[in-house]
Amino acid sequence: AQFSLPARVFYIGNAYGLEHNAGHQ
């Protein structure tokens, strides 16, 4: 009810998990 479609949203923040990038975890 708070959103009229299409909803355009963005975010900036930290996420967590195991990600491999250029040999680093």
mmCIF file of all heavy atoms, coordinates in Angstrom:
data_MODEL
# 
_entry.id   MODEL 
# 
loop_
_atom_site.group_PDB 
_atom_site.id 
_atom_site.type_symbol 
_atom_site.label_atom_id 
_atom_site.label_alt_id 
_atom_site.label_comp_id 
_atom_site.label_asym_id 
_atom_site.label_entity_id 
_atom_site.label_seq_id 
_atom_site.pdbx_PDB_ins_code 
_atom_site.Cartn_x 
_atom_site.Cartn_y 
_atom_site.Cartn_z 
_atom_site.occupancy 
_atom_site.B_iso_or_equiv 
_atom_site.pdbx_formal_charge 
_atom_site.auth_seq_id 
_atom_site.auth_comp_id 
_atom_site.auth_asym_id 
_atom_site.auth_atom_id 
_atom_site.pdbx_PDB_model_num 
ATOM 1   N N   . ALA A 1 1  ? 0.812  -1.212  0.000   1.00 0.00 ? 1  ALA A N   1 
ATOM 2   C CA  . ALA A 1 1  ? 0.000  0.000   0.000   1.00 0.00 ? 1  ALA A CA  1 
ATOM 3   C C   . ALA A 1 1  ? 0.851  1.271   0.000   1.00 0.00 ? 1  ALA A C   1 
ATOM 4   O O   . ALA A 1 1  ? 0.391  2.340   -0.416  1.00 0.00 ? 1  ALA A O   1 
ATOM 5   C CB  . ALA A 1 1  ? -0.924 0.007   1.214   1.00 0.00 ? 1  ALA A CB  1 
ATOM 6   N N   . GLN A 1 2  ? 2.109  1.159   0.462   1.00 0.00 ? 2  GLN A N   1 
ATOM 7   C CA  . GLN A 1 2  ? 2.982  2.323   0.537   1.00 0.00 ? 2  GLN A CA  1 
ATOM 8   C C   . GLN A 1 2  ? 3.698  2.597   -0.783  1.00 0.00 ? 2  GLN A C   1 
ATOM 9   O O   . GLN A 1 2  ? 4.310  3.650   -0.947  1.00 0.00 ? 2  GLN A O   1 
ATOM 10  C CB  . GLN A 1 2  ? 4.041  2.125   1.631   1.00 0.00 ? 2  GLN A CB  1 
ATOM 11  C CG  . GLN A 1 2  ? 3.474  2.084   3.036   1.00 0.00 ? 2  GLN A CG  1 
ATOM 12  C CD  . GLN A 1 2  ? 4.572  1.888   4.061   1.00 0.00 ? 2  GLN A CD  1 
ATOM 13  O OE1 . GLN A 1 2  ? 4.468  1.079   4.967   1.00 0.00 ? 2  GLN A OE1 1 
ATOM 14  N NE2 . GLN A 1 2  ? 5.651  2.639   3.923   1.00 0.00 ? 2  GLN A NE2 1 
ATOM 15  N N   . PHE A 1 3  ? 3.614  1.664   -1.705  1.00 0.00 ? 3  PHE A N   1 
ATOM 16  C CA  . PHE A 1 3  ? 4.355  1.810   -2.954  1.00 0.00 ? 3  PHE A CA  1 
ATOM 17  C C   . PHE A 1 3  ? 3.417  1.831   -4.152  1.00 0.00 ? 3  PHE A C   1 
ATOM 18  O O   . PHE A 1 3  ? 2.520  1.005   -4.267  1.00 0.00 ? 3  PHE A O   1 
ATOM 19  C CB  . PHE A 1 3  ? 5.352  0.654   -3.123  1.00 0.00 ? 3  PHE A CB  1 
ATOM 20  C CG  . PHE A 1 3  ? 6.437  0.624   -2.086  1.00 0.00 ? 3  PHE A CG  1 
ATOM 21  C CD1 . PHE A 1 3  ? 6.295  -0.170  -0.959  1.00 0.00 ? 3  PHE A CD1 1 
ATOM 22  C CD2 . PHE A 1 3  ? 7.572  1.384   -2.230  1.00 0.00 ? 3  PHE A CD2 1 
ATOM 23  C CE1 . PHE A 1 3  ? 7.292  -0.217  0.010   1.00 0.00 ? 3  PHE A CE1 1 
ATOM 24  C CE2 . PHE A 1 3  ? 8.573  1.356   -1.273  1.00 0.00 ? 3  PHE A CE2 1 
ATOM 25  C CZ  . PHE A 1 3  ? 8.430  0.557   -0.150  1.00 0.00 ? 3  PHE A CZ  1 
ATOM 26  N N   . SER A 1 4  ? 3.631  2.798   -5.015  1.00 0.00 ? 4  SER A N   1 
ATOM 27  C CA  . SER A 1 4  ? 2.926  2.798   -6.295  1.00 0.00 ? 4  SER A CA  1 
ATOM 28  C C   . SER A 1 4  ? 3.887  2.190   -7.303  1.00 0.00 ? 4  SER A C   1 
ATOM 29  O O   . SER A 1 4  ? 5.033  2.624   -7.424  1.00 0.00 ? 4  SER A O   1 
ATOM 30  C CB  . SER A 1 4  ? 2.547  4.227   -6.702  1.00 0.00 ? 4  SER A CB  1 
ATOM 31  O OG  . SER A 1 4  ? 3.694  5.055   -6.774  1.00 0.00 ? 4  SER A OG  1 
ATOM 32  N N   . LEU A 1 5  ? 3.435  1.173   -7.988  1.00 0.00 ? 5  LEU A N   1 
ATOM 33  C CA  . LEU A 1 5  ? 4.313  0.460   -8.913  1.00 0.00 ? 5  LEU A CA  1 
ATOM 34  C C   . LEU A 1 5  ? 4.451  1.204   -10.237 1.00 0.00 ? 5  LEU A C   1 
ATOM 35  O O   . LEU A 1 5  ? 3.498  1.824   -10.703 1.00 0.00 ? 5  LEU A O   1 
ATOM 36  C CB  . LEU A 1 5  ? 3.770  -0.951  -9.147  1.00 0.00 ? 5  LEU A CB  1 
ATOM 37  C CG  . LEU A 1 5  ? 3.722  -1.841  -7.901  1.00 0.00 ? 5  LEU A CG  1 
ATOM 38  C CD1 . LEU A 1 5  ? 3.196  -3.224  -8.262  1.00 0.00 ? 5  LEU A CD1 1 
ATOM 39  C CD2 . LEU A 1 5  ? 5.096  -1.954  -7.245  1.00 0.00 ? 5  LEU A CD2 1 
ATOM 40  N N   . PRO A 1 6  ? 5.620  1.148   -10.838 1.00 0.00 ? 6  PRO A N   1 
ATOM 41  C CA  . PRO A 1 6  ? 6.796  0.421   -10.356 1.00 0.00 ? 6  PRO A CA  1 
ATOM 42  C C   . PRO A 1 6  ? 7.477  1.135   -9.195  1.00 0.00 ? 6  PRO A C   1 
ATOM 43  O O   . PRO A 1 6  ? 7.500  2.365   -9.145  1.00 0.00 ? 6  PRO A O   1 
ATOM 44  C CB  . PRO A 1 6  ? 7.705  0.362   -11.582 1.00 0.00 ? 6  PRO A CB  1 
ATOM 45  C CG  . PRO A 1 6  ? 7.352  1.576   -12.374 1.00 0.00 ? 6  PRO A CG  1 
ATOM 46  C CD  . PRO A 1 6  ? 5.876  1.763   -12.178 1.00 0.00 ? 6  PRO A CD  1 
ATOM 47  N N   . ALA A 1 7  ? 8.044  0.357   -8.278  1.00 0.00 ? 7  ALA A N   1 
ATOM 48  C CA  . ALA A 1 7  ? 8.762  0.903   -7.134  1.00 0.00 ? 7  ALA A CA  1 
ATOM 49  C C   . ALA A 1 7  ? 10.239 1.035   -7.494  1.00 0.00 ? 7  ALA A C   1 
ATOM 50  O O   . ALA A 1 7  ? 10.866 0.085   -7.949  1.00 0.00 ? 7  ALA A O   1 
ATOM 51  C CB  . ALA A 1 7  ? 8.593  -0.016  -5.928  1.00 0.00 ? 7  ALA A CB  1 
ATOM 52  N N   . ARG A 1 8  ? 10.764 2.215   -7.277  1.00 0.00 ? 8  ARG A N   1 
ATOM 53  C CA  . ARG A 1 8  ? 12.189 2.472   -7.515  1.00 0.00 ? 8  ARG A CA  1 
ATOM 54  C C   . ARG A 1 8  ? 12.868 2.661   -6.167  1.00 0.00 ? 8  ARG A C   1 
ATOM 55  O O   . ARG A 1 8  ? 12.583 3.630   -5.461  1.00 0.00 ? 8  ARG A O   1 
ATOM 56  C CB  . ARG A 1 8  ? 12.368 3.708   -8.393  1.00 0.00 ? 8  ARG A CB  1 
ATOM 57  C CG  . ARG A 1 8  ? 11.902 3.507   -9.828  1.00 0.00 ? 8  ARG A CG  1 
ATOM 58  C CD  . ARG A 1 8  ? 11.991 4.798   -10.641 1.00 0.00 ? 8  ARG A CD  1 
ATOM 59  N NE  . ARG A 1 8  ? 11.799 4.556   -12.059 1.00 0.00 ? 8  ARG A NE  1 
ATOM 60  C CZ  . ARG A 1 8  ? 10.612 4.453   -12.657 1.00 0.00 ? 8  ARG A CZ  1 
ATOM 61  N NH1 . ARG A 1 8  ? 9.504  4.587   -11.938 1.00 0.00 ? 8  ARG A NH1 1 
ATOM 62  N NH2 . ARG A 1 8  ? 10.521 4.214   -13.962 1.00 0.00 ? 8  ARG A NH2 1 
ATOM 63  N N   . VAL A 1 9  ? 13.737 1.743   -5.805  1.00 0.00 ? 9  VAL A N   1 
ATOM 64  C CA  . VAL A 1 9  ? 14.368 1.783   -4.493  1.00 0.00 ? 9  VAL A CA  1 
ATOM 65  C C   . VAL A 1 9  ? 15.883 1.596   -4.628  1.00 0.00 ? 9  VAL A C   1 
ATOM 66  O O   . VAL A 1 9  ? 16.365 1.029   -5.609  1.00 0.00 ? 9  VAL A O   1 
ATOM 67  C CB  . VAL A 1 9  ? 13.792 0.696   -3.556  1.00 0.00 ? 9  VAL A CB  1 
ATOM 68  C CG1 . VAL A 1 9  ? 12.276 0.861   -3.416  1.00 0.00 ? 9  VAL A CG1 1 
ATOM 69  C CG2 . VAL A 1 9  ? 14.116 -0.711  -4.059  1.00 0.00 ? 9  VAL A CG2 1 
ATOM 70  N N   . PHE A 1 10 ? 16.615 2.086   -3.617  1.00 0.00 ? 10 PHE A N   1 
ATOM 71  C CA  . PHE A 1 10 ? 18.054 1.856   -3.586  1.00 0.00 ? 10 PHE A CA  1 
ATOM 72  C C   . PHE A 1 10 ? 18.488 1.603   -2.152  1.00 0.00 ? 10 PHE A C   1 
ATOM 73  O O   . PHE A 1 10 ? 17.743 1.828   -1.198  1.00 0.00 ? 10 PHE A O   1 
ATOM 74  C CB  . PHE A 1 10 ? 18.830 3.035   -4.190  1.00 0.00 ? 10 PHE A CB  1 
ATOM 75  C CG  . PHE A 1 10 ? 18.964 4.236   -3.292  1.00 0.00 ? 10 PHE A CG  1 
ATOM 76  C CD1 . PHE A 1 10 ? 20.056 4.369   -2.438  1.00 0.00 ? 10 PHE A CD1 1 
ATOM 77  C CD2 . PHE A 1 10 ? 18.005 5.252   -3.311  1.00 0.00 ? 10 PHE A CD2 1 
ATOM 78  C CE1 . PHE A 1 10 ? 20.194 5.478   -1.618  1.00 0.00 ? 10 PHE A CE1 1 
ATOM 79  C CE2 . PHE A 1 10 ? 18.132 6.370   -2.493  1.00 0.00 ? 10 PHE A CE2 1 
ATOM 80  C CZ  . PHE A 1 10 ? 19.234 6.476   -1.640  1.00 0.00 ? 10 PHE A CZ  1 
ATOM 81  N N   . TYR A 1 11 ? 19.708 1.126   -2.010  1.00 0.00 ? 11 TYR A N   1 
ATOM 82  C CA  . TYR A 1 11 ? 20.242 0.796   -0.692  1.00 0.00 ? 11 TYR A CA  1 
ATOM 83  C C   . TYR A 1 11 ? 21.753 0.973   -0.709  1.00 0.00 ? 11 TYR A C   1 
ATOM 84  O O   . TYR A 1 11 ? 22.403 0.902   -1.752  1.00 0.00 ? 11 TYR A O   1 
ATOM 85  C CB  . TYR A 1 11 ? 19.915 -0.661  -0.322  1.00 0.00 ? 11 TYR A CB  1 
ATOM 86  C CG  . TYR A 1 11 ? 20.314 -1.644  -1.394  1.00 0.00 ? 11 TYR A CG  1 
ATOM 87  C CD1 . TYR A 1 11 ? 21.626 -2.104  -1.499  1.00 0.00 ? 11 TYR A CD1 1 
ATOM 88  C CD2 . TYR A 1 11 ? 19.388 -2.077  -2.346  1.00 0.00 ? 11 TYR A CD2 1 
ATOM 89  C CE1 . TYR A 1 11 ? 21.997 -2.971  -2.508  1.00 0.00 ? 11 TYR A CE1 1 
ATOM 90  C CE2 . TYR A 1 11 ? 19.763 -2.944  -3.367  1.00 0.00 ? 11 TYR A CE2 1 
ATOM 91  C CZ  . TYR A 1 11 ? 21.075 -3.382  -3.432  1.00 0.00 ? 11 TYR A CZ  1 
ATOM 92  O OH  . TYR A 1 11 ? 21.455 -4.228  -4.441  1.00 0.00 ? 11 TYR A OH  1 
ATOM 93  N N   . ILE A 1 12 ? 22.314 1.236   0.448   1.00 0.00 ? 12 ILE A N   1 
ATOM 94  C CA  . ILE A 1 12 ? 23.759 1.277   0.645   1.00 0.00 ? 12 ILE A CA  1 
ATOM 95  C C   . ILE A 1 12 ? 24.022 0.733   2.036   1.00 0.00 ? 12 ILE A C   1 
ATOM 96  O O   . ILE A 1 12 ? 23.509 1.265   3.026   1.00 0.00 ? 12 ILE A O   1 
ATOM 97  C CB  . ILE A 1 12 ? 24.331 2.702   0.519   1.00 0.00 ? 12 ILE A CB  1 
ATOM 98  C CG1 . ILE A 1 12 ? 24.066 3.273   -0.874  1.00 0.00 ? 12 ILE A CG1 1 
ATOM 99  C CG2 . ILE A 1 12 ? 25.833 2.705   0.821   1.00 0.00 ? 12 ILE A CG2 1 
ATOM 100 C CD1 . ILE A 1 12 ? 24.496 4.718   -1.042  1.00 0.00 ? 12 ILE A CD1 1 
ATOM 101 N N   . GLY A 1 13 ? 24.784 -0.332  2.140   1.00 0.00 ? 13 GLY A N   1 
ATOM 102 C CA  . GLY A 1 13 ? 25.049 -0.912  3.453   1.00 0.00 ? 13 GLY A CA  1 
ATOM 103 C C   . GLY A 1 13 ? 25.889 -2.166  3.348   1.00 0.00 ? 13 GLY A C   1 
ATOM 104 O O   . GLY A 1 13 ? 26.291 -2.588  2.263   1.00 0.00 ? 13 GLY A O   1 
ATOM 105 N N   . ASN A 1 14 ? 26.144 -2.770  4.489   1.00 0.00 ? 14 ASN A N   1 
ATOM 106 C CA  . ASN A 1 14 ? 26.972 -3.966  4.545   1.00 0.00 ? 14 ASN A CA  1 
ATOM 107 C C   . ASN A 1 14 ? 26.150 -5.234  4.385   1.00 0.00 ? 14 ASN A C   1 
ATOM 108 O O   . ASN A 1 14 ? 25.021 -5.323  4.868   1.00 0.00 ? 14 ASN A O   1 
ATOM 109 C CB  . ASN A 1 14 ? 27.738 -4.033  5.865   1.00 0.00 ? 14 ASN A CB  1 
ATOM 110 C CG  . ASN A 1 14 ? 28.859 -3.004  5.925   1.00 0.00 ? 14 ASN A CG  1 
ATOM 111 O OD1 . ASN A 1 14 ? 29.088 -2.271  4.971   1.00 0.00 ? 14 ASN A OD1 1 
ATOM 112 N ND2 . ASN A 1 14 ? 29.552 -2.938  7.044   1.00 0.00 ? 14 ASN A ND2 1 
ATOM 113 N N   . ALA A 1 15 ? 26.728 -6.195  3.696   1.00 0.00 ? 15 ALA A N   1 
ATOM 114 C CA  . ALA A 1 15 ? 26.138 -7.523  3.557   1.00 0.00 ? 15 ALA A CA  1 
ATOM 115 C C   . ALA A 1 15 ? 27.173 -8.530  4.044   1.00 0.00 ? 15 ALA A C   1 
ATOM 116 O O   . ALA A 1 15 ? 28.364 -8.211  4.167   1.00 0.00 ? 15 ALA A O   1 
ATOM 117 C CB  . ALA A 1 15 ? 25.750 -7.794  2.106   1.00 0.00 ? 15 ALA A CB  1 
ATOM 118 N N   . TYR A 1 16 ? 26.717 -9.760  4.307   1.00 0.00 ? 16 TYR A N   1 
ATOM 119 C CA  . TYR A 1 16 ? 27.580 -10.724 4.987   1.00 0.00 ? 16 TYR A CA  1 
ATOM 120 C C   . TYR A 1 16 ? 27.460 -12.102 4.348   1.00 0.00 ? 16 TYR A C   1 
ATOM 121 O O   . TYR A 1 16 ? 26.379 -12.526 3.951   1.00 0.00 ? 16 TYR A O   1 
ATOM 122 C CB  . TYR A 1 16 ? 27.194 -10.815 6.468   1.00 0.00 ? 16 TYR A CB  1 
ATOM 123 C CG  . TYR A 1 16 ? 27.111 -9.466  7.137   1.00 0.00 ? 16 TYR A CG  1 
ATOM 124 C CD1 . TYR A 1 16 ? 25.929 -8.722  7.113   1.00 0.00 ? 16 TYR A CD1 1 
ATOM 125 C CD2 . TYR A 1 16 ? 28.225 -8.916  7.761   1.00 0.00 ? 16 TYR A CD2 1 
ATOM 126 C CE1 . TYR A 1 16 ? 25.861 -7.471  7.701   1.00 0.00 ? 16 TYR A CE1 1 
ATOM 127 C CE2 . TYR A 1 16 ? 28.162 -7.669  8.360   1.00 0.00 ? 16 TYR A CE2 1 
ATOM 128 C CZ  . TYR A 1 16 ? 26.980 -6.947  8.319   1.00 0.00 ? 16 TYR A CZ  1 
ATOM 129 O OH  . TYR A 1 16 ? 26.919 -5.707  8.900   1.00 0.00 ? 16 TYR A OH  1 
ATOM 130 N N   . GLY A 1 17 ? 28.567 -12.787 4.281   1.00 0.00 ? 17 GLY A N   1 
ATOM 131 C CA  . GLY A 1 17 ? 28.597 -14.127 3.713   1.00 0.00 ? 17 GLY A CA  1 
ATOM 132 C C   . GLY A 1 17 ? 30.016 -14.431 3.295   1.00 0.00 ? 17 GLY A C   1 
ATOM 133 O O   . GLY A 1 17 ? 30.939 -13.644 3.549   1.00 0.00 ? 17 GLY A O   1 
ATOM 134 N N   . LEU A 1 18 ? 30.226 -15.544 2.664   1.00 0.00 ? 18 LEU A N   1 
ATOM 135 C CA  . LEU A 1 18 ? 31.565 -15.912 2.205   1.00 0.00 ? 18 LEU A CA  1 
ATOM 136 C C   . LEU A 1 18 ? 31.668 -15.625 0.722   1.00 0.00 ? 18 LEU A C   1 
ATOM 137 O O   . LEU A 1 18 ? 31.045 -16.302 -0.103  1.00 0.00 ? 18 LEU A O   1 
ATOM 138 C CB  . LEU A 1 18 ? 31.845 -17.391 2.490   1.00 0.00 ? 18 LEU A CB  1 
ATOM 139 C CG  . LEU A 1 18 ? 33.237 -17.891 2.102   1.00 0.00 ? 18 LEU A CG  1 
ATOM 140 C CD1 . LEU A 1 18 ? 34.311 -17.100 2.840   1.00 0.00 ? 18 LEU A CD1 1 
ATOM 141 C CD2 . LEU A 1 18 ? 33.372 -19.383 2.406   1.00 0.00 ? 18 LEU A CD2 1 
ATOM 142 N N   . GLU A 1 19 ? 32.439 -14.620 0.383   1.00 0.00 ? 19 GLU A N   1 
ATOM 143 C CA  . GLU A 1 19 ? 32.617 -14.220 -1.010  1.00 0.00 ? 19 GLU A CA  1 
ATOM 144 C C   . GLU A 1 19 ? 34.091 -14.330 -1.359  1.00 0.00 ? 19 GLU A C   1 
ATOM 145 O O   . GLU A 1 19 ? 34.954 -13.921 -0.594  1.00 0.00 ? 19 GLU A O   1 
ATOM 146 C CB  . GLU A 1 19 ? 32.153 -12.775 -1.208  1.00 0.00 ? 19 GLU A CB  1 
ATOM 147 C CG  . GLU A 1 19 ? 32.261 -12.280 -2.624  1.00 0.00 ? 19 GLU A CG  1 
ATOM 148 C CD  . GLU A 1 19 ? 31.939 -10.796 -2.745  1.00 0.00 ? 19 GLU A CD  1 
ATOM 149 O OE1 . GLU A 1 19 ? 32.785 -9.979  -2.340  1.00 0.00 ? 19 GLU A OE1 1 
ATOM 150 O OE2 . GLU A 1 19 ? 30.851 -10.459 -3.224  1.00 0.00 ? 19 GLU A OE2 1 
ATOM 151 N N   . HIS A 1 20 ? 34.380 -14.915 -2.514  1.00 0.00 ? 20 HIS A N   1 
ATOM 152 C CA  . HIS A 1 20 ? 35.764 -15.057 -2.963  1.00 0.00 ? 20 HIS A CA  1 
ATOM 153 C C   . HIS A 1 20 ? 36.040 -13.991 -4.017  1.00 0.00 ? 20 HIS A C   1 
ATOM 154 O O   . HIS A 1 20 ? 35.294 -13.843 -4.976  1.00 0.00 ? 20 HIS A O   1 
ATOM 155 C CB  . HIS A 1 20 ? 36.004 -16.448 -3.552  1.00 0.00 ? 20 HIS A CB  1 
ATOM 156 C CG  . HIS A 1 20 ? 35.832 -17.546 -2.547  1.00 0.00 ? 20 HIS A CG  1 
ATOM 157 N ND1 . HIS A 1 20 ? 36.855 -17.944 -1.718  1.00 0.00 ? 20 HIS A ND1 1 
ATOM 158 C CD2 . HIS A 1 20 ? 34.751 -18.306 -2.220  1.00 0.00 ? 20 HIS A CD2 1 
ATOM 159 C CE1 . HIS A 1 20 ? 36.422 -18.917 -0.921  1.00 0.00 ? 20 HIS A CE1 1 
ATOM 160 N NE2 . HIS A 1 20 ? 35.157 -19.168 -1.208  1.00 0.00 ? 20 HIS A NE2 1 
ATOM 161 N N   . ASN A 1 21 ? 37.125 -13.251 -3.812  1.00 0.00 ? 21 ASN A N   1 
ATOM 162 C CA  . ASN A 1 21 ? 37.468 -12.183 -4.745  1.00 0.00 ? 21 ASN A CA  1 
ATOM 163 C C   . ASN A 1 21 ? 38.981 -12.108 -4.889  1.00 0.00 ? 21 ASN A C   1 
ATOM 164 O O   . ASN A 1 21 ? 39.688 -11.819 -3.928  1.00 0.00 ? 21 ASN A O   1 
ATOM 165 C CB  . ASN A 1 21 ? 36.928 -10.839 -4.223  1.00 0.00 ? 21 ASN A CB  1 
ATOM 166 C CG  . ASN A 1 21 ? 37.286 -9.688  -5.155  1.00 0.00 ? 21 ASN A CG  1 
ATOM 167 O OD1 . ASN A 1 21 ? 37.463 -9.894  -6.353  1.00 0.00 ? 21 ASN A OD1 1 
ATOM 168 N ND2 . ASN A 1 21 ? 37.396 -8.495  -4.608  1.00 0.00 ? 21 ASN A ND2 1 
ATOM 169 N N   . ALA A 1 22 ? 39.458 -12.392 -6.084  1.00 0.00 ? 22 ALA A N   1 
ATOM 170 C CA  . ALA A 1 22 ? 40.894 -12.313 -6.395  1.00 0.00 ? 22 ALA A CA  1 
ATOM 171 C C   . ALA A 1 22 ? 41.740 -13.092 -5.401  1.00 0.00 ? 22 ALA A C   1 
ATOM 172 O O   . ALA A 1 22 ? 42.787 -12.643 -4.953  1.00 0.00 ? 22 ALA A O   1 
ATOM 173 C CB  . ALA A 1 22 ? 41.329 -10.842 -6.433  1.00 0.00 ? 22 ALA A CB  1 
ATOM 174 N N   . GLY A 1 23 ? 41.266 -14.286 -5.037  1.00 0.00 ? 23 GLY A N   1 
ATOM 175 C CA  . GLY A 1 23 ? 42.023 -15.135 -4.143  1.00 0.00 ? 23 GLY A CA  1 
ATOM 176 C C   . GLY A 1 23 ? 41.834 -14.831 -2.674  1.00 0.00 ? 23 GLY A C   1 
ATOM 177 O O   . GLY A 1 23 ? 42.397 -15.512 -1.815  1.00 0.00 ? 23 GLY A O   1 
ATOM 178 N N   . HIS A 1 24 ? 41.041 -13.809 -2.367  1.00 0.00 ? 24 HIS A N   1 
ATOM 179 C CA  . HIS A 1 24 ? 40.810 -13.439 -0.977  1.00 0.00 ? 24 HIS A CA  1 
ATOM 180 C C   . HIS A 1 24 ? 39.378 -13.792 -0.570  1.00 0.00 ? 24 HIS A C   1 
ATOM 181 O O   . HIS A 1 24 ? 38.453 -13.726 -1.371  1.00 0.00 ? 24 HIS A O   1 
ATOM 182 C CB  . HIS A 1 24 ? 41.045 -11.943 -0.771  1.00 0.00 ? 24 HIS A CB  1 
ATOM 183 C CG  . HIS A 1 24 ? 42.430 -11.502 -1.122  1.00 0.00 ? 24 HIS A CG  1 
ATOM 184 N ND1 . HIS A 1 24 ? 43.522 -11.788 -0.346  1.00 0.00 ? 24 HIS A ND1 1 
ATOM 185 C CD2 . HIS A 1 24 ? 42.894 -10.805 -2.185  1.00 0.00 ? 24 HIS A CD2 1 
ATOM 186 C CE1 . HIS A 1 24 ? 44.610 -11.285 -0.909  1.00 0.00 ? 24 HIS A CE1 1 
ATOM 187 N NE2 . HIS A 1 24 ? 44.254 -10.682 -2.033  1.00 0.00 ? 24 HIS A NE2 1 
ATOM 188 N N   . GLN A 1 25 ? 39.232 -14.145 0.700   1.00 0.00 ? 25 GLN A N   1 
ATOM 189 C CA  . GLN A 1 25 ? 37.905 -14.426 1.230   1.00 0.00 ? 25 GLN A CA  1 
ATOM 190 C C   . GLN A 1 25 ? 37.376 -13.191 1.952   1.00 0.00 ? 25 GLN A C   1 
ATOM 191 O O   . GLN A 1 25 ? 38.099 -12.558 2.719   1.00 0.00 ? 25 GLN A O   1 
ATOM 192 C CB  . GLN A 1 25 ? 37.940 -15.611 2.202   1.00 0.00 ? 25 GLN A CB  1 
ATOM 193 C CG  . GLN A 1 25 ? 38.183 -16.945 1.534   1.00 0.00 ? 25 GLN A CG  1 
ATOM 194 C CD  . GLN A 1 25 ? 38.040 -18.099 2.498   1.00 0.00 ? 25 GLN A CD  1 
ATOM 195 O OE1 . GLN A 1 25 ? 37.862 -17.909 3.691   1.00 0.00 ? 25 GLN A OE1 1 
ATOM 196 N NE2 . GLN A 1 25 ? 38.097 -19.310 1.988   1.00 0.00 ? 25 GLN A NE2 1 
# 
